[in-house]
Amino acid sequence: MIAQAFQSTVLAGIVFGLVPIIWWAIKGRKKDKFMKYFGLIRPKSDGWGAVIAIAGYCMIWAAAHLPVFTQYTQPSSGIYLGLGARAIIPAFIISFLQTGFWE
């Protein structure tokens, strides 16, 4: 179960990682460098504004991902139904690494 979760996570990472690189290689290599082409630039920090924005984002994300709100919207939740503590690590891998990290 854990190996299958890692395998699908790595496969998702390869797919989501190669698509932007291939797109940049075909369409944008002559226009800009890779990071600038996709808008990945270092933001200018203005002190507490960034800290407040990150804290606000974390609170909204945490509230939106509570099981009370997501028990009916998560397509993978039925996979681990009734497995108890054995399902914690695979569910963590799928919910945070596979879906969140690569996006």
N, C-alpha and C. Protein backbone atom coordinates (compact mmCIF):
# COMPACT_ATOMS: atom_id res chain seq x y z
N MET A 1 0.82 -1.18 0.00
CA MET A 1 0.00 0.00 0.00
C MET A 1 0.87 1.26 0.00
N ILE A 2 1.89 1.29 0.84
CA ILE A 2 2.79 2.45 0.89
C ILE A 2 3.61 2.54 -0.39
N ALA A 3 4.08 1.40 -0.89
CA ALA A 3 4.87 1.40 -2.13
C ALA A 3 4.04 1.88 -3.30
N GLN A 4 2.79 1.49 -3.35
CA GLN A 4 1.92 1.94 -4.43
C GLN A 4 1.67 3.44 -4.35
N ALA A 5 1.53 3.98 -3.14
CA ALA A 5 1.34 5.42 -2.97
C ALA A 5 2.58 6.18 -3.41
N PHE A 6 3.77 5.68 -3.04
CA PHE A 6 5.01 6.33 -3.48
C PHE A 6 5.17 6.24 -5.00
N GLN A 7 4.83 5.10 -5.56
CA GLN A 7 4.96 4.92 -7.00
C GLN A 7 4.06 5.91 -7.75
N SER A 8 2.84 6.06 -7.33
CA SER A 8 1.95 7.01 -8.00
C SER A 8 2.39 8.45 -7.78
N THR A 9 2.99 8.74 -6.61
CA THR A 9 3.50 10.08 -6.35
C THR A 9 4.67 10.41 -7.25
N VAL A 10 5.59 9.48 -7.40
CA VAL A 10 6.75 9.70 -8.27
C VAL A 10 6.31 9.85 -9.73
N LEU A 11 5.36 9.04 -10.15
CA LEU A 11 4.87 9.13 -11.52
C LEU A 11 4.19 10.48 -11.76
N ALA A 12 3.41 10.94 -10.82
CA ALA A 12 2.77 12.25 -10.94
C ALA A 12 3.83 13.35 -10.99
N GLY A 13 4.89 13.22 -10.20
CA GLY A 13 5.97 14.20 -10.22
C GLY A 13 6.69 14.26 -11.55
N ILE A 14 6.90 13.10 -12.14
CA ILE A 14 7.57 13.06 -13.44
C ILE A 14 6.69 13.72 -14.49
N VAL A 15 5.42 13.38 -14.50
CA VAL A 15 4.51 13.95 -15.49
C VAL A 15 4.37 15.46 -15.29
N PHE A 16 4.08 15.89 -14.07
CA PHE A 16 3.91 17.32 -13.82
C PHE A 16 5.22 18.08 -13.94
N GLY A 17 6.35 17.42 -13.79
CA GLY A 17 7.63 18.09 -13.95
C GLY A 17 8.06 18.21 -15.40
N LEU A 18 7.72 17.24 -16.21
CA LEU A 18 8.15 17.27 -17.61
C LEU A 18 7.29 18.15 -18.49
N VAL A 19 6.04 18.27 -18.19
CA VAL A 19 5.15 19.07 -19.04
C VAL A 19 5.63 20.52 -19.16
N PRO A 20 5.93 21.23 -18.07
CA PRO A 20 6.40 22.61 -18.24
C PRO A 20 7.75 22.70 -18.94
N ILE A 21 8.62 21.74 -18.69
CA ILE A 21 9.94 21.77 -19.34
C ILE A 21 9.80 21.57 -20.84
N ILE A 22 8.97 20.64 -21.24
CA ILE A 22 8.76 20.41 -22.67
C ILE A 22 8.09 21.62 -23.31
N TRP A 23 7.11 22.20 -22.64
CA TRP A 23 6.43 23.38 -23.17
C TRP A 23 7.41 24.53 -23.35
N TRP A 24 8.25 24.77 -22.36
CA TRP A 24 9.24 25.85 -22.45
C TRP A 24 10.23 25.56 -23.57
N ALA A 25 10.66 24.30 -23.69
CA ALA A 25 11.64 23.95 -24.72
C ALA A 25 11.07 24.18 -26.13
N ILE A 26 9.77 23.94 -26.31
CA ILE A 26 9.16 24.11 -27.62
C ILE A 26 8.79 25.57 -27.88
N LYS A 27 8.16 26.22 -26.92
CA LYS A 27 7.58 27.54 -27.15
C LYS A 27 8.38 28.72 -26.62
N GLY A 28 9.07 28.57 -25.50
CA GLY A 28 9.59 29.75 -24.84
C GLY A 28 11.08 29.86 -24.66
N ARG A 29 11.85 28.93 -25.18
CA ARG A 29 13.29 28.96 -24.94
C ARG A 29 13.94 30.23 -25.49
N LYS A 30 13.47 30.69 -26.62
CA LYS A 30 14.07 31.88 -27.23
C LYS A 30 13.58 33.17 -26.61
N LYS A 31 12.45 33.12 -25.90
CA LYS A 31 11.87 34.33 -25.31
C LYS A 31 12.55 34.70 -23.99
N ASP A 32 12.61 33.75 -23.06
CA ASP A 32 13.12 34.03 -21.72
C ASP A 32 13.75 32.78 -21.13
N LYS A 33 14.42 32.99 -19.99
CA LYS A 33 14.91 31.85 -19.23
C LYS A 33 13.72 31.12 -18.62
N PHE A 34 13.95 29.87 -18.20
CA PHE A 34 12.87 29.01 -17.73
C PHE A 34 12.09 29.63 -16.58
N MET A 35 12.76 30.09 -15.55
CA MET A 35 12.10 30.62 -14.37
C MET A 35 11.29 31.87 -14.70
N LYS A 36 11.84 32.75 -15.49
CA LYS A 36 11.13 33.99 -15.83
C LYS A 36 9.96 33.71 -16.77
N TYR A 37 10.09 32.74 -17.65
CA TYR A 37 9.02 32.40 -18.58
C TYR A 37 7.76 31.96 -17.84
N PHE A 38 7.93 31.23 -16.75
CA PHE A 38 6.78 30.76 -15.98
C PHE A 38 6.42 31.67 -14.82
N GLY A 39 7.06 32.83 -14.72
CA GLY A 39 6.70 33.79 -13.69
C GLY A 39 7.27 33.49 -12.33
N LEU A 40 8.28 32.66 -12.25
CA LEU A 40 8.89 32.32 -10.97
C LEU A 40 10.03 33.30 -10.68
N ILE A 41 9.66 34.40 -10.07
CA ILE A 41 10.65 35.42 -9.74
C ILE A 41 10.64 35.64 -8.23
N ARG A 42 11.71 36.14 -7.71
CA ARG A 42 11.82 36.39 -6.28
C ARG A 42 10.99 37.63 -5.92
N PRO A 43 10.03 37.48 -5.03
CA PRO A 43 9.22 38.64 -4.65
C PRO A 43 10.00 39.59 -3.76
N LYS A 44 9.61 40.83 -3.80
CA LYS A 44 10.23 41.82 -2.93
C LYS A 44 9.51 41.81 -1.59
N SER A 45 10.25 41.61 -0.53
CA SER A 45 9.67 41.52 0.79
C SER A 45 9.43 42.91 1.36
N ASP A 46 8.25 43.11 1.95
CA ASP A 46 7.94 44.40 2.57
C ASP A 46 7.71 44.25 4.07
N GLY A 47 8.39 43.29 4.66
CA GLY A 47 8.30 43.11 6.11
C GLY A 47 7.19 42.18 6.52
N TRP A 48 6.27 42.68 7.34
CA TRP A 48 5.22 41.84 7.93
C TRP A 48 4.13 41.48 6.95
N GLY A 49 4.03 42.15 5.84
CA GLY A 49 2.98 41.85 4.87
C GLY A 49 3.07 40.43 4.36
N ALA A 50 4.28 39.97 4.06
CA ALA A 50 4.46 38.61 3.58
C ALA A 50 4.13 37.59 4.67
N VAL A 51 4.52 37.87 5.89
CA VAL A 51 4.24 36.95 7.01
C VAL A 51 2.73 36.84 7.24
N ILE A 52 2.03 37.96 7.19
CA ILE A 52 0.58 37.95 7.38
C ILE A 52 -0.10 37.22 6.23
N ALA A 53 0.36 37.42 5.01
CA ALA A 53 -0.23 36.76 3.85
C ALA A 53 -0.04 35.24 3.94
N ILE A 54 1.15 34.81 4.32
CA ILE A 54 1.42 33.37 4.44
C ILE A 54 0.61 32.76 5.58
N ALA A 55 0.51 33.45 6.69
CA ALA A 55 -0.28 32.95 7.82
C ALA A 55 -1.76 32.86 7.44
N GLY A 56 -2.26 33.87 6.75
CA GLY A 56 -3.66 33.83 6.30
C GLY A 56 -3.91 32.69 5.34
N TYR A 57 -3.00 32.48 4.42
CA TYR A 57 -3.13 31.37 3.47
C TYR A 57 -3.14 30.04 4.21
N CYS A 58 -2.24 29.87 5.18
CA CYS A 58 -2.17 28.62 5.94
C CYS A 58 -3.46 28.38 6.72
N MET A 59 -4.05 29.42 7.30
CA MET A 59 -5.29 29.24 8.05
C MET A 59 -6.44 28.87 7.12
N ILE A 60 -6.53 29.51 5.96
CA ILE A 60 -7.60 29.18 5.01
C ILE A 60 -7.41 27.76 4.48
N TRP A 61 -6.17 27.39 4.19
CA TRP A 61 -5.89 26.05 3.69
C TRP A 61 -6.24 25.00 4.73
N ALA A 62 -5.88 25.25 5.98
CA ALA A 62 -6.17 24.29 7.05
C ALA A 62 -7.68 24.14 7.25
N ALA A 63 -8.41 25.24 7.20
CA ALA A 63 -9.86 25.16 7.37
C ALA A 63 -10.52 24.44 6.21
N ALA A 64 -9.98 24.61 5.01
CA ALA A 64 -10.57 23.97 3.83
C ALA A 64 -10.24 22.49 3.75
N HIS A 65 -9.23 22.05 4.47
CA HIS A 65 -8.83 20.65 4.40
C HIS A 65 -9.19 19.85 5.65
N LEU A 66 -10.03 20.40 6.49
CA LEU A 66 -10.51 19.64 7.63
C LEU A 66 -11.38 18.48 7.14
N PRO A 67 -11.32 17.34 7.79
CA PRO A 67 -12.11 16.20 7.34
C PRO A 67 -13.61 16.47 7.29
N VAL A 68 -14.09 17.38 8.12
CA VAL A 68 -15.52 17.70 8.13
C VAL A 68 -15.94 18.24 6.76
N PHE A 69 -15.08 19.06 6.14
CA PHE A 69 -15.42 19.66 4.87
C PHE A 69 -15.06 18.78 3.67
N THR A 70 -14.06 17.93 3.83
CA THR A 70 -13.56 17.19 2.67
C THR A 70 -13.96 15.72 2.64
N GLN A 71 -14.73 15.25 3.58
CA GLN A 71 -15.05 13.82 3.60
C GLN A 71 -15.89 13.40 2.40
N TYR A 72 -16.62 14.32 1.82
CA TYR A 72 -17.45 13.96 0.67
C TYR A 72 -16.83 14.39 -0.66
N THR A 73 -15.73 15.09 -0.62
CA THR A 73 -15.13 15.58 -1.86
C THR A 73 -13.84 14.88 -2.24
N GLN A 74 -13.24 14.13 -1.36
CA GLN A 74 -11.97 13.47 -1.65
C GLN A 74 -12.23 12.14 -2.34
N PRO A 75 -11.83 11.99 -3.59
CA PRO A 75 -12.09 10.73 -4.29
C PRO A 75 -11.30 9.55 -3.73
N SER A 76 -10.18 9.81 -3.08
CA SER A 76 -9.37 8.71 -2.55
C SER A 76 -9.75 8.32 -1.13
N SER A 77 -10.71 8.99 -0.54
CA SER A 77 -11.05 8.69 0.86
C SER A 77 -11.66 7.31 1.01
N GLY A 78 -12.36 6.81 0.01
CA GLY A 78 -12.97 5.50 0.10
C GLY A 78 -11.96 4.36 0.04
N ILE A 79 -10.78 4.62 -0.48
CA ILE A 79 -9.75 3.60 -0.60
C ILE A 79 -9.32 3.11 0.78
N TYR A 80 -9.23 4.00 1.73
CA TYR A 80 -8.67 3.67 3.04
C TYR A 80 -9.74 3.51 4.11
N LEU A 81 -10.99 3.45 3.72
CA LEU A 81 -12.08 3.33 4.67
C LEU A 81 -12.01 2.00 5.41
N GLY A 82 -11.98 2.06 6.73
CA GLY A 82 -11.97 0.86 7.55
C GLY A 82 -10.60 0.27 7.82
N LEU A 83 -9.52 0.87 7.33
CA LEU A 83 -8.18 0.31 7.54
C LEU A 83 -7.53 0.80 8.83
N GLY A 84 -8.06 1.82 9.43
CA GLY A 84 -7.52 2.30 10.70
C GLY A 84 -6.17 2.97 10.55
N ALA A 85 -5.27 2.70 11.51
CA ALA A 85 -3.97 3.37 11.55
C ALA A 85 -3.06 2.96 10.39
N ARG A 86 -3.31 1.81 9.78
CA ARG A 86 -2.47 1.38 8.65
C ARG A 86 -2.60 2.33 7.46
N ALA A 87 -3.67 3.07 7.39
CA ALA A 87 -3.92 3.94 6.24
C ALA A 87 -3.39 5.35 6.43
N ILE A 88 -2.83 5.67 7.57
CA ILE A 88 -2.39 7.04 7.83
C ILE A 88 -1.26 7.44 6.88
N ILE A 89 -0.23 6.65 6.77
CA ILE A 89 0.92 7.02 5.94
C ILE A 89 0.55 7.06 4.45
N PRO A 90 -0.11 6.05 3.89
CA PRO A 90 -0.49 6.17 2.48
C PRO A 90 -1.44 7.33 2.20
N ALA A 91 -2.36 7.59 3.11
CA ALA A 91 -3.27 8.72 2.92
C ALA A 91 -2.51 10.04 2.97
N PHE A 92 -1.54 10.14 3.86
CA PHE A 92 -0.71 11.33 3.93
C PHE A 92 0.09 11.51 2.64
N ILE A 93 0.65 10.44 2.14
CA ILE A 93 1.44 10.51 0.90
C ILE A 93 0.57 11.00 -0.25
N ILE A 94 -0.61 10.44 -0.38
CA ILE A 94 -1.48 10.83 -1.49
C ILE A 94 -2.02 12.24 -1.30
N SER A 95 -2.49 12.56 -0.12
CA SER A 95 -3.15 13.85 0.07
C SER A 95 -2.19 15.03 0.04
N PHE A 96 -1.01 14.88 0.59
CA PHE A 96 -0.11 16.02 0.64
C PHE A 96 0.95 16.00 -0.45
N LEU A 97 1.61 14.88 -0.62
CA LEU A 97 2.71 14.83 -1.58
C LEU A 97 2.22 14.74 -3.02
N GLN A 98 1.35 13.78 -3.30
CA GLN A 98 0.95 13.56 -4.68
C GLN A 98 0.11 14.71 -5.21
N THR A 99 -0.88 15.14 -4.48
CA THR A 99 -1.76 16.17 -5.01
C THR A 99 -1.29 17.58 -4.73
N GLY A 100 -0.79 17.83 -3.55
CA GLY A 100 -0.42 19.19 -3.19
C GLY A 100 0.96 19.63 -3.62
N PHE A 101 1.95 18.81 -3.41
CA PHE A 101 3.33 19.21 -3.67
C PHE A 101 3.57 19.47 -5.14
N TRP A 102 3.09 18.61 -6.01
CA TRP A 102 3.38 18.76 -7.43
C TRP A 102 2.56 19.86 -8.08
N GLU A 103 1.46 20.24 -7.46
CA GLU A 103 0.68 21.31 -8.04
C GLU A 103 1.22 22.64 -7.60
